[in-house]
Amino acid sequence: MTFRGGANGGLDSRDLVINQLKRDIVEMKTSEKNVADVNSQLVTVEHKYRILQDEKNIVERDARTRTDKNIRSIAGLRSKAETLKRELEN
């Protein structure tokens, strides 16, 4: 890269490179902020996902427990009904 000084007070090639580098820095800082924002959003979404997954697991476990209890209750009631039916037939 060749740098030529401008005696006429205009921008020389160093000034052009410096200005380009300044623009690059601003662009990179903006990109870095965007990445940080996206990362923050990702962390938030992952946290919400874990909470919802835990809640889903609890609901499913409770539903299985209620279902099992209802099955046992139904079996007991059927048995009782059969016993009462047999008693009435005698």
C-alpha atoms as a PDB file:
ATOM      1  CA  MET A   1       0.000   0.000   0.000  1.00  0.00           C
ATOM      2  CA  THR A   2       1.490   3.313  -1.008  1.00  0.00           C
ATOM      3  CA  PHE A   3       0.789   6.477   0.917  1.00  0.00           C
ATOM      4  CA  ARG A   4       1.311   9.785  -0.760  1.00  0.00           C
ATOM      5  CA  GLY A   5       1.072  12.969   1.181  1.00  0.00           C
ATOM      6  CA  GLY A   6      -1.068  15.670  -0.357  1.00  0.00           C
ATOM      7  CA  ALA A   7       0.603  19.055  -0.230  1.00  0.00           C
ATOM      8  CA  ASN A   8      -2.619  20.678  -1.398  1.00  0.00           C
ATOM      9  CA  GLY A   9      -4.425  19.977   1.877  1.00  0.00           C
ATOM     10  CA  GLY A  10      -6.685  17.291   0.331  1.00  0.00           C
ATOM     11  CA  LEU A  11      -7.161  13.777   1.594  1.00  0.00           C
ATOM     12  CA  ASP A  12      -4.136  11.644   0.948  1.00  0.00           C
ATOM     13  CA  SER A  13      -4.301   7.888   0.728  1.00  0.00           C
ATOM     14  CA  ARG A  14      -3.585   7.543   4.467  1.00  0.00           C
ATOM     15  CA  ASP A  15      -6.611   9.648   5.266  1.00  0.00           C
ATOM     16  CA  LEU A  16      -8.726   7.512   2.957  1.00  0.00           C
ATOM     17  CA  VAL A  17      -7.509   4.343   4.653  1.00  0.00           C
ATOM     18  CA  ILE A  18      -8.074   5.863   8.111  1.00  0.00           C
ATOM     19  CA  ASN A  19     -11.609   6.900   7.168  1.00  0.00           C
ATOM     20  CA  GLN A  20     -12.325   3.439   5.791  1.00  0.00           C
ATOM     21  CA  LEU A  21     -10.963   1.842   8.961  1.00  0.00           C
ATOM     22  CA  LYS A  22     -13.166   4.137  11.076  1.00  0.00           C
ATOM     23  CA  ARG A  23     -16.193   3.040   9.060  1.00  0.00           C
ATOM     24  CA  ASP A  24     -15.137  -0.590   9.483  1.00  0.00           C
ATOM     25  CA  ILE A  25     -14.840  -0.116  13.268  1.00  0.00           C
ATOM     26  CA  VAL A  26     -18.321   1.418  13.480  1.00  0.00           C
ATOM     27  CA  GLU A  27     -19.737  -1.411  11.358  1.00  0.00           C
ATOM     28  CA  MET A  28     -18.009  -4.059  13.483  1.00  0.00           C
ATOM     29  CA  LYS A  29     -19.249  -2.486  16.717  1.00  0.00           C
ATOM     30  CA  THR A  30     -22.774  -2.477  15.310  1.00  0.00           C
ATOM     31  CA  SER A  31     -22.398  -6.111  14.273  1.00  0.00           C
ATOM     32  CA  GLU A  32     -21.022  -6.974  17.711  1.00  0.00           C
ATOM     33  CA  LYS A  33     -24.024  -5.305  19.380  1.00  0.00           C
ATOM     34  CA  ASN A  34     -26.375  -7.185  17.051  1.00  0.00           C
ATOM     35  CA  VAL A  35     -24.688 -10.479  17.966  1.00  0.00           C
ATOM     36  CA  ALA A  36     -24.955  -9.622  21.664  1.00  0.00           C
ATOM     37  CA  ASP A  37     -28.664  -8.793  21.231  1.00  0.00           C
ATOM     38  CA  VAL A  38     -29.308 -12.062  19.389  1.00  0.00           C
ATOM     39  CA  ASN A  39     -27.376 -13.985  22.036  1.00  0.00           C
ATOM     40  CA  SER A  40     -29.428 -12.362  24.777  1.00  0.00           C
ATOM     41  CA  GLN A  41     -32.630 -13.281  22.956  1.00  0.00           C
ATOM     42  CA  LEU A  42     -31.368 -16.854  22.560  1.00  0.00           C
ATOM     43  CA  VAL A  43     -30.656 -17.147  26.289  1.00  0.00           C
ATOM     44  CA  THR A  44     -34.157 -15.829  27.052  1.00  0.00           C
ATOM     45  CA  VAL A  45     -35.821 -18.244  24.623  1.00  0.00           C
ATOM     46  CA  GLU A  46     -33.795 -21.183  25.979  1.00  0.00           C
ATOM     47  CA  HIS A  47     -34.836 -20.258  29.521  1.00  0.00           C
ATOM     48  CA  LYS A  48     -38.515 -20.053  28.525  1.00  0.00           C
ATOM     49  CA  TYR A  49     -38.168 -23.391  26.726  1.00  0.00           C
ATOM     50  CA  ARG A  50     -36.749 -25.083  29.833  1.00  0.00           C
ATOM     51  CA  ILE A  51     -39.528 -23.653  32.011  1.00  0.00           C
ATOM     52  CA  LEU A  52     -42.225 -24.800  29.585  1.00  0.00           C
ATOM     53  CA  GLN A  53     -40.604 -28.227  29.232  1.00  0.00           C
ATOM     54  CA  ASP A  54     -40.555 -28.609  33.025  1.00  0.00           C
ATOM     55  CA  GLU A  55     -44.199 -27.506  33.254  1.00  0.00           C
ATOM     56  CA  LYS A  56     -45.146 -29.958  30.501  1.00  0.00           C
ATOM     57  CA  ASN A  57     -43.388 -32.799  32.323  1.00  0.00           C
ATOM     58  CA  ILE A  58     -45.235 -31.952  35.545  1.00  0.00           C
ATOM     59  CA  VAL A  59     -48.608 -31.807  33.759  1.00  0.00           C
ATOM     60  CA  GLU A  60     -47.937 -35.126  31.997  1.00  0.00           C
ATOM     61  CA  ARG A  61     -46.842 -36.797  35.252  1.00  0.00           C
ATOM     62  CA  ASP A  62     -49.948 -35.489  37.046  1.00  0.00           C
ATOM     63  CA  ALA A  63     -52.165 -36.680  34.192  1.00  0.00           C
ATOM     64  CA  ARG A  64     -50.611 -40.177  34.356  1.00  0.00           C
ATOM     65  CA  THR A  65     -51.110 -40.249  38.128  1.00  0.00           C
ATOM     66  CA  ARG A  66     -54.768 -39.213  37.793  1.00  0.00           C
ATOM     67  CA  THR A  67     -55.323 -41.730  35.006  1.00  0.00           C
ATOM     68  CA  ASP A  68     -53.784 -44.545  37.041  1.00  0.00           C
ATOM     69  CA  LYS A  69     -55.892 -43.568  40.055  1.00  0.00           C
ATOM     70  CA  ASN A  70     -59.051 -43.471  37.908  1.00  0.00           C
ATOM     71  CA  ILE A  71     -58.246 -46.881  36.407  1.00  0.00           C
ATOM     72  CA  ARG A  72     -57.835 -48.372  39.882  1.00  0.00           C
ATOM     73  CA  SER A  73     -61.042 -46.685  41.038  1.00  0.00           C
ATOM     74  CA  ILE A  74     -62.979 -47.979  38.031  1.00  0.00           C
ATOM     75  CA  ALA A  75     -61.623 -51.488  38.601  1.00  0.00           C
ATOM     76  CA  GLY A  76     -62.710 -51.311  42.236  1.00  0.00           C
ATOM     77  CA  LEU A  77     -66.174 -50.045  41.313  1.00  0.00           C
ATOM     78  CA  ARG A  78     -66.591 -52.788  38.690  1.00  0.00           C
ATOM     79  CA  SER A  79     -65.613 -55.371  41.244  1.00  0.00           C
ATOM     80  CA  LYS A  80     -68.109 -53.949  43.711  1.00  0.00           C
ATOM     81  CA  ALA A  81     -70.815 -53.861  41.030  1.00  0.00           C
ATOM     82  CA  GLU A  82     -70.143 -57.509  40.163  1.00  0.00           C
ATOM     83  CA  THR A  83     -70.282 -58.464  43.821  1.00  0.00           C
ATOM     84  CA  LEU A  84     -73.592 -56.632  44.297  1.00  0.00           C
ATOM     85  CA  LYS A  85     -74.956 -58.183  41.106  1.00  0.00           C
ATOM     86  CA  ARG A  86     -74.068 -61.679  42.350  1.00  0.00           C
ATOM     87  CA  GLU A  87     -75.669 -60.938  45.729  1.00  0.00           C
ATOM     88  CA  LEU A  88     -78.879 -59.821  44.033  1.00  0.00           C
ATOM     89  CA  GLU A  89     -78.974 -62.940  41.917  1.00  0.00           C
ATOM     90  CA  ASN A  90     -78.779 -65.174  44.991  1.00  0.00           C
END
